[in-house]
C-alpha atoms as a PDB file:
ATOM      1  CA  MET A   1       0.283   0.063   0.063  1.00  0.00           C
ATOM      2  CA  PHE A   2       1.073   3.565  -1.020  1.00  0.00           C
ATOM      3  CA  SER A   3       1.974   5.634   2.368  1.00  0.00           C
ATOM      4  CA  VAL A   4       0.252   9.213   2.429  1.00  0.00           C
ATOM      5  CA  LYS A   5       3.830  10.579   2.022  1.00  0.00           C
ATOM      6  CA  LYS A   6       4.136   8.614  -0.702  1.00  0.00           C
ATOM      7  CA  MET A   7       0.485   9.410  -2.814  1.00  0.00           C
ATOM      8  CA  VAL A   8       1.531  13.252  -2.070  1.00  0.00           C
ATOM      9  CA  VAL A   9       4.796  12.799  -3.781  1.00  0.00           C
ATOM     10  CA  VAL A  10       3.182  11.256  -6.757  1.00  0.00           C
ATOM     11  CA  SER A  11       0.407  13.538  -6.945  1.00  0.00           C
ATOM     12  CA  CYS A  12       2.686  16.293  -6.985  1.00  0.00           C
ATOM     13  CA  LEU A  13       4.607  14.735  -9.375  1.00  0.00           C
ATOM     14  CA  LEU A  14       1.496  14.201 -11.893  1.00  0.00           C
ATOM     15  CA  ILE A  15       0.350  17.661 -11.442  1.00  0.00           C
ATOM     16  CA  SER A  16       3.985  19.175 -12.345  1.00  0.00           C
ATOM     17  CA  ILE A  17       3.999  16.874 -15.513  1.00  0.00           C
ATOM     18  CA  LEU A  18       0.431  18.262 -16.332  1.00  0.00           C
ATOM     19  CA  ALA A  19       1.712  21.467 -16.319  1.00  0.00           C
ATOM     20  CA  VAL A  20       4.334  21.359 -18.250  1.00  0.00           C
ATOM     21  CA  ILE A  21       2.421  19.410 -21.166  1.00  0.00           C
ATOM     22  CA  SER A  22      -0.143  22.221 -21.054  1.00  0.00           C
ATOM     23  CA  CYS A  23       2.306  24.838 -20.956  1.00  0.00           C
ATOM     24  CA  SER A  24       4.248  23.561 -23.862  1.00  0.00           C
ATOM     25  CA  LYS A  25       1.545  23.901 -26.596  1.00  0.00           C
ATOM     26  CA  ASN A  26       2.460  26.260 -29.601  1.00  0.00           C
ATOM     27  CA  ASP A  27       0.192  27.852 -31.479  1.00  0.00           C
ATOM     28  CA  GLY A  28       2.598  28.029 -34.519  1.00  0.00           C
ATOM     29  CA  THR A  29       3.181  31.742 -33.901  1.00  0.00           C
ATOM     30  CA  SER A  30       5.275  31.736 -30.568  1.00  0.00           C
ATOM     31  CA  ASN A  31       8.889  32.243 -31.490  1.00  0.00           C
ATOM     32  CA  ILE A  32       8.259  34.158 -34.965  1.00  0.00           C
ATOM     33  CA  THR A  33      11.303  36.294 -35.868  1.00  0.00           C
ATOM     34  CA  CYS A  34       9.365  39.279 -37.354  1.00  0.00           C
ATOM     35  CA  ASP A  35      10.752  41.853 -39.399  1.00  0.00           C
ATOM     36  CA  PRO A  36       8.924  45.029 -39.040  1.00  0.00           C
ATOM     37  CA  ALA A  37       9.359  46.234 -42.011  1.00  0.00           C
ATOM     38  CA  THR A  38       7.286  43.416 -43.823  1.00  0.00           C
ATOM     39  CA  SER A  39       5.870  44.452 -46.761  1.00  0.00           C
ATOM     40  CA  PHE A  40       2.031  44.199 -47.849  1.00  0.00           C
ATOM     41  CA  ALA A  41       2.954  44.924 -51.901  1.00  0.00           C
ATOM     42  CA  ASN A  42       5.978  42.324 -51.921  1.00  0.00           C
ATOM     43  CA  THR A  43       5.415  39.978 -49.185  1.00  0.00           C
ATOM     44  CA  VAL A  44       1.946  39.588 -48.474  1.00  0.00           C
ATOM     45  CA  LYS A  45      -0.066  40.085 -51.550  1.00  0.00           C
ATOM     46  CA  PRO A  46       1.835  37.910 -53.730  1.00  0.00           C
ATOM     47  CA  ILE A  47       0.694  34.796 -51.244  1.00  0.00           C
ATOM     48  CA  LEU A  48      -2.666  36.211 -51.184  1.00  0.00           C
ATOM     49  CA  ASP A  49      -2.568  36.206 -54.826  1.00  0.00           C
ATOM     50  CA  LYS A  50      -1.397  33.068 -55.077  1.00  0.00           C
ATOM     51  CA  SER A  51      -3.037  31.222 -52.498  1.00  0.00           C
ATOM     52  CA  CYS A  52      -6.574  33.020 -52.048  1.00  0.00           C
ATOM     53  CA  ASN A  53      -7.393  35.229 -54.754  1.00  0.00           C
ATOM     54  CA  MET A  54      -8.603  32.689 -57.391  1.00  0.00           C
ATOM     55  CA  ASN A  55     -12.139  31.031 -58.377  1.00  0.00           C
ATOM     56  CA  GLY A  56     -14.236  29.645 -55.923  1.00  0.00           C
ATOM     57  CA  CYS A  57     -12.154  31.333 -53.097  1.00  0.00           C
ATOM     58  CA  HIS A  58     -11.671  35.015 -52.801  1.00  0.00           C
ATOM     59  CA  ASP A  59     -12.869  35.755 -56.446  1.00  0.00           C
ATOM     60  CA  ASP A  60     -15.469  38.584 -55.556  1.00  0.00           C
ATOM     61  CA  ILE A  61     -17.927  36.160 -56.863  1.00  0.00           C
ATOM     62  CA  VAL A  62     -17.820  33.883 -53.805  1.00  0.00           C
ATOM     63  CA  ILE A  63     -16.479  36.321 -51.261  1.00  0.00           C
ATOM     64  CA  THR A  64     -14.559  39.432 -51.326  1.00  0.00           C
ATOM     65  CA  ALA A  65     -11.156  39.218 -53.211  1.00  0.00           C
ATOM     66  CA  LEU A  66      -8.069  40.166 -50.999  1.00  0.00           C
ATOM     67  CA  ASN A  67      -6.534  41.964 -53.861  1.00  0.00           C
ATOM     68  CA  ASN A  68      -6.410  45.042 -52.557  1.00  0.00           C
ATOM     69  CA  PHE A  69      -4.445  47.011 -50.013  1.00  0.00           C
ATOM     70  CA  GLN A  70      -7.970  48.224 -48.318  1.00  0.00           C
ATOM     71  CA  THR A  71      -9.796  44.848 -48.089  1.00  0.00           C
ATOM     72  CA  VAL A  72      -6.652  43.006 -46.538  1.00  0.00           C
ATOM     73  CA  HIS A  73      -6.245  45.866 -43.955  1.00  0.00           C
ATOM     74  CA  ASP A  74      -9.745  45.961 -43.294  1.00  0.00           C
ATOM     75  CA  GLY A  75      -9.666  42.265 -42.557  1.00  0.00           C
ATOM     76  CA  ALA A  76      -6.230  41.894 -41.241  1.00  0.00           C
ATOM     77  CA  ASN A  77      -7.104  40.097 -37.677  1.00  0.00           C
ATOM     78  CA  GLN A  78      -9.703  37.700 -39.349  1.00  0.00           C
ATOM     79  CA  ILE A  79      -7.293  36.872 -41.999  1.00  0.00           C
ATOM     80  CA  LYS A  80      -4.874  36.220 -39.391  1.00  0.00           C
ATOM     81  CA  ILE A  81      -7.286  34.128 -37.087  1.00  0.00           C
ATOM     82  CA  SER A  82      -8.100  32.034 -40.353  1.00  0.00           C
ATOM     83  CA  ILE A  83      -4.979  30.915 -41.258  1.00  0.00           C
ATOM     84  CA  GLN A  84      -4.013  29.671 -37.654  1.00  0.00           C
ATOM     85  CA  SER A  85      -7.294  28.229 -37.438  1.00  0.00           C
ATOM     86  CA  GLY A  86      -6.431  26.430 -40.411  1.00  0.00           C
ATOM     87  CA  ARG A  87      -9.889  27.542 -42.274  1.00  0.00           C
ATOM     88  CA  MET A  88      -8.049  29.497 -45.053  1.00  0.00           C
ATOM     89  CA  PRO A  89      -6.799  28.679 -47.617  1.00  0.00           C
ATOM     90  CA  LYS A  90      -9.213  26.443 -48.303  1.00  0.00           C
ATOM     91  CA  SER A  91      -7.632  24.358 -51.286  1.00  0.00           C
ATOM     92  CA  ASN A  92      -4.120  25.096 -51.292  1.00  0.00           C
ATOM     93  CA  SER A  93      -1.851  25.430 -48.020  1.00  0.00           C
ATOM     94  CA  LEU A  94       0.683  27.845 -46.709  1.00  0.00           C
ATOM     95  CA  THR A  95       4.346  27.604 -45.644  1.00  0.00           C
ATOM     96  CA  THR A  96       5.415  27.920 -42.290  1.00  0.00           C
ATOM     97  CA  ALA A  97       7.370  31.224 -43.653  1.00  0.00           C
ATOM     98  CA  GLU A  98       3.848  32.443 -45.599  1.00  0.00           C
ATOM     99  CA  LYS A  99       1.926  32.022 -42.571  1.00  0.00           C
ATOM    100  CA  ASN A 100       4.576  34.003 -40.802  1.00  0.00           C
ATOM    101  CA  ALA A 101       5.238  36.739 -42.724  1.00  0.00           C
ATOM    102  CA  ILE A 102       1.364  37.127 -42.855  1.00  0.00           C
ATOM    103  CA  TYR A 103       1.375  37.268 -39.133  1.00  0.00           C
ATOM    104  CA  CYS A 104       4.149  39.329 -38.740  1.00  0.00           C
ATOM    105  CA  TRP A 105       2.489  42.202 -41.046  1.00  0.00           C
ATOM    106  CA  VAL A 106      -0.898  42.101 -39.139  1.00  0.00           C
ATOM    107  CA  ASP A 107       1.039  42.536 -36.199  1.00  0.00           C
ATOM    108  CA  ASN A 108       2.900  45.200 -37.145  1.00  0.00           C
ATOM    109  CA  GLY A 109      -0.356  47.307 -37.912  1.00  0.00           C
ATOM    110  CA  ALA A 110      -0.930  45.844 -41.215  1.00  0.00           C
ATOM    111  CA  LYS A 111       1.163  48.964 -43.134  1.00  0.00           C
ATOM    112  CA  ASN A 112       0.524  49.991 -46.673  1.00  0.00           C
ATOM    113  CA  ASN A 113       4.417  49.487 -47.222  1.00  0.00           C
END
């Protein structure tokens, strides 16, 4: 039989392990090296054009195209959330670098640069 002291030690050990596991979950945005000069025109828009602005997706028929700064800027936070959750892009995938570039641009104020 376990003594009370052993049960306390085992319980503390299990709680510690669970705490470490729960704190180590990574949402894919931690430890990103972010360049505050990430460009909408040179980085973000080409990613959206390649992966989102296509027939049946963001094509101004099914849903608003993400093909100009103002539209993307106005939806920047939702775009980031949709990419993080895996809802976007629907029929393509983004590389980690592409995702990080979009996250970085949004986190730095979604500038028209």
